[in-house]
PDB file of N, CA and C in Angstrom:
ATOM      1  N   SER A   1      15.218  13.306  -8.515  1.00  0.00           N
ATOM      2  CA  SER A   1      13.789  12.829  -9.333  1.00  0.00           C
ATOM      3  C   SER A   1      12.939  12.542  -8.396  1.00  0.00           C
ATOM      4  N   LEU A   2      12.870  11.989  -7.168  1.00  0.00           N
ATOM      5  CA  LEU A   2      12.103  11.654  -6.263  1.00  0.00           C
ATOM      6  C   LEU A   2      11.613  12.774  -5.648  1.00  0.00           C
ATOM      7  N   GLN A   3      12.549  13.730  -5.137  1.00  0.00           N
ATOM      8  CA  GLN A   3      12.260  14.642  -4.414  1.00  0.00           C
ATOM      9  C   GLN A   3      11.283  15.792  -5.262  1.00  0.00           C
ATOM     10  N   ASN A   4      11.678  15.450  -6.514  1.00  0.00           N
ATOM     11  CA  ASN A   4      10.942  16.632  -7.681  1.00  0.00           C
ATOM     12  C   ASN A   4       9.190  16.201  -7.384  1.00  0.00           C
ATOM     13  N   GLY A   5       9.393  14.940  -7.670  1.00  0.00           N
ATOM     14  CA  GLY A   5       7.875  14.218  -7.462  1.00  0.00           C
ATOM     15  C   GLY A   5       7.095  14.486  -6.071  1.00  0.00           C
ATOM     16  N   VAL A   6       8.042  14.553  -5.142  1.00  0.00           N
ATOM     17  CA  VAL A   6       7.039  14.684  -3.913  1.00  0.00           C
ATOM     18  C   VAL A   6       6.846  16.333  -3.815  1.00  0.00           C
ATOM     19  N   THR A   7       7.396  17.197  -4.118  1.00  0.00           N
ATOM     20  CA  THR A   7       7.408  18.371  -4.318  1.00  0.00           C
ATOM     21  C   THR A   7       6.047  18.869  -5.157  1.00  0.00           C
ATOM     22  N   ALA A   8       5.976  18.049  -6.333  1.00  0.00           N
ATOM     23  CA  ALA A   8       4.984  18.561  -7.026  1.00  0.00           C
ATOM     24  C   ALA A   8       3.686  17.932  -6.774  1.00  0.00           C
ATOM     25  N   GLY A   9       4.087  16.497  -5.773  1.00  0.00           N
ATOM     26  CA  GLY A   9       2.558  15.941  -5.373  1.00  0.00           C
ATOM     27  C   GLY A   9       2.220  16.717  -4.308  1.00  0.00           C
ATOM     28  N   GLN A  10       3.120  17.296  -3.452  1.00  0.00           N
ATOM     29  CA  GLN A  10       2.521  17.979  -2.277  1.00  0.00           C
ATOM     30  C   GLN A  10       1.733  19.114  -2.680  1.00  0.00           C
ATOM     31  N   GLU A  11       2.111  19.755  -3.726  1.00  0.00           N
ATOM     32  CA  GLU A  11       1.453  21.264  -4.399  1.00  0.00           C
ATOM     33  C   GLU A  11       0.148  20.919  -4.970  1.00  0.00           C
ATOM     34  N   GLU A  12       0.172  19.787  -5.758  1.00  0.00           N
ATOM     35  CA  GLU A  12      -0.911  19.115  -6.362  1.00  0.00           C
ATOM     36  C   GLU A  12      -1.767  18.811  -5.455  1.00  0.00           C
ATOM     37  N   ILE A  13      -1.719  18.226  -4.492  1.00  0.00           N
ATOM     38  CA  ILE A  13      -2.449  17.963  -3.168  1.00  0.00           C
ATOM     39  C   ILE A  13      -3.415  18.937  -2.682  1.00  0.00           C
ATOM     40  N   SER A  14      -2.820  20.085  -2.980  1.00  0.00           N
ATOM     41  CA  SER A  14      -3.681  21.201  -2.488  1.00  0.00           C
ATOM     42  C   SER A  14      -4.947  21.474  -3.209  1.00  0.00           C
ATOM     43  N   SER A  15      -4.977  21.186  -4.531  1.00  0.00           N
ATOM     44  CA  SER A  15      -5.980  21.204  -5.264  1.00  0.00           C
ATOM     45  C   SER A  15      -6.677  20.161  -6.098  1.00  0.00           C
ATOM     46  N   SER A  16      -5.817  19.239  -5.864  1.00  0.00           N
ATOM     47  CA  SER A  16      -6.449  17.802  -6.407  1.00  0.00           C
ATOM     48  C   SER A  16      -6.678  16.832  -5.672  1.00  0.00           C
ATOM     49  N   GLY A  17      -6.270  17.182  -3.971  1.00  0.00           N
ATOM     50  CA  GLY A  17      -7.053  16.271  -3.078  1.00  0.00           C
ATOM     51  C   GLY A  17      -5.731  15.023  -3.299  1.00  0.00           C
ATOM     52  N   THR A  18      -6.300  13.967  -3.081  1.00  0.00           N
ATOM     53  CA  THR A  18      -5.595  12.367  -3.250  1.00  0.00           C
ATOM     54  C   THR A  18      -5.301  12.173  -4.638  1.00  0.00           C
ATOM     55  N   SER A  19      -5.761  12.605  -5.607  1.00  0.00           N
ATOM     56  CA  SER A  19      -5.624  12.615  -7.048  1.00  0.00           C
ATOM     57  C   SER A  19      -3.824  12.339  -7.538  1.00  0.00           C
ATOM     58  N   TYR A  20      -3.239  13.305  -6.546  1.00  0.00           N
ATOM     59  CA  TYR A  20      -1.822  13.286  -6.995  1.00  0.00           C
ATOM     60  C   TYR A  20      -1.176  11.948  -6.591  1.00  0.00           C
ATOM     61  N   LEU A  21      -1.746  11.355  -5.394  1.00  0.00           N
ATOM     62  CA  LEU A  21      -1.198  10.090  -5.334  1.00  0.00           C
ATOM     63  C   LEU A  21      -1.035   8.960  -6.507  1.00  0.00           C
ATOM     64  N   ASN A  22      -2.085   8.922  -7.002  1.00  0.00           N
ATOM     65  CA  ASN A  22      -2.319   7.938  -8.111  1.00  0.00           C
ATOM     66  C   ASN A  22      -1.271   8.317  -9.024  1.00  0.00           C
ATOM     67  N   ARG A  23      -1.164   9.625  -9.555  1.00  0.00           N
ATOM     68  CA  ARG A  23      -0.181  10.321 -10.558  1.00  0.00           C
ATOM     69  C   ARG A  23       1.440   9.616  -9.814  1.00  0.00           C
ATOM     70  N   THR A  24       1.593  10.257  -8.698  1.00  0.00           N
ATOM     71  CA  THR A  24       2.875   9.692  -8.163  1.00  0.00           C
ATOM     72  C   THR A  24       3.256   8.261  -8.564  1.00  0.00           C
ATOM     73  N   GLU A  25       2.254   7.292  -7.866  1.00  0.00           N
ATOM     74  CA  GLU A  25       2.241   6.081  -8.026  1.00  0.00           C
ATOM     75  C   GLU A  25       2.491   5.615  -8.983  1.00  0.00           C
ATOM     76  N   ALA A  26       1.649   6.265 -10.238  1.00  0.00           N
ATOM     77  CA  ALA A  26       1.822   5.686 -11.422  1.00  0.00           C
ATOM     78  C   ALA A  26       3.199   5.752 -12.316  1.00  0.00           C
ATOM     79  N   ASN A  27       3.797   7.017 -11.740  1.00  0.00           N
ATOM     80  CA  ASN A  27       5.444   7.596 -12.275  1.00  0.00           C
ATOM     81  C   ASN A  27       6.102   6.766 -11.585  1.00  0.00           C
ATOM     82  N   MET A  28       5.902   6.176 -10.380  1.00  0.00           N
ATOM     83  CA  MET A  28       7.010   5.225  -9.827  1.00  0.00           C
ATOM     84  C   MET A  28       6.896   3.830 -10.523  1.00  0.00           C
ATOM     85  N   VAL A  29       5.583   3.576 -10.564  1.00  0.00           N
ATOM     86  CA  VAL A  29       5.797   2.097 -11.495  1.00  0.00           C
ATOM     87  C   VAL A  29       5.986   2.300 -12.756  1.00  0.00           C
ATOM     88  N   GLU A  30       6.106   3.488 -13.384  1.00  0.00           N
ATOM     89  CA  GLU A  30       6.539   3.367 -14.899  1.00  0.00           C
ATOM     90  C   GLU A  30       7.869   3.335 -14.848  1.00  0.00           C
ATOM     91  N   LYS A  31       8.726   3.995 -13.883  1.00  0.00           N
ATOM     92  CA  LYS A  31       9.962   4.113 -13.809  1.00  0.00           C
ATOM     93  C   LYS A  31      10.238   2.873 -13.634  1.00  0.00           C
ATOM     94  N   THR A  32       9.839   2.018 -12.481  1.00  0.00           N
ATOM     95  CA  THR A  32      10.336   0.890 -12.095  1.00  0.00           C
ATOM     96  C   THR A  32      10.167  -0.187 -13.295  1.00  0.00           C
ATOM     97  N   ALA A  33       8.982   0.104 -14.111  1.00  0.00           N
ATOM     98  CA  ALA A  33       8.598  -0.945 -15.114  1.00  0.00           C
ATOM     99  C   ALA A  33       9.778  -0.585 -16.582  1.00  0.00           C
ATOM    100  N   THR A  34      10.126   0.466 -16.286  1.00  0.00           N
ATOM    101  CA  THR A  34      11.010   1.025 -17.679  1.00  0.00           C
ATOM    102  C   THR A  34      12.293   0.302 -17.363  1.00  0.00           C
TER     103      THR A  34
END
């Protein structure tokens, strides 16, 4: 799962810049909270 998120984040960073960081962080927080 983590590798998937990292790969998606790296692809997103190309077009979204650092926005993907917020998405990845939010996903991690959600997983931890859930």
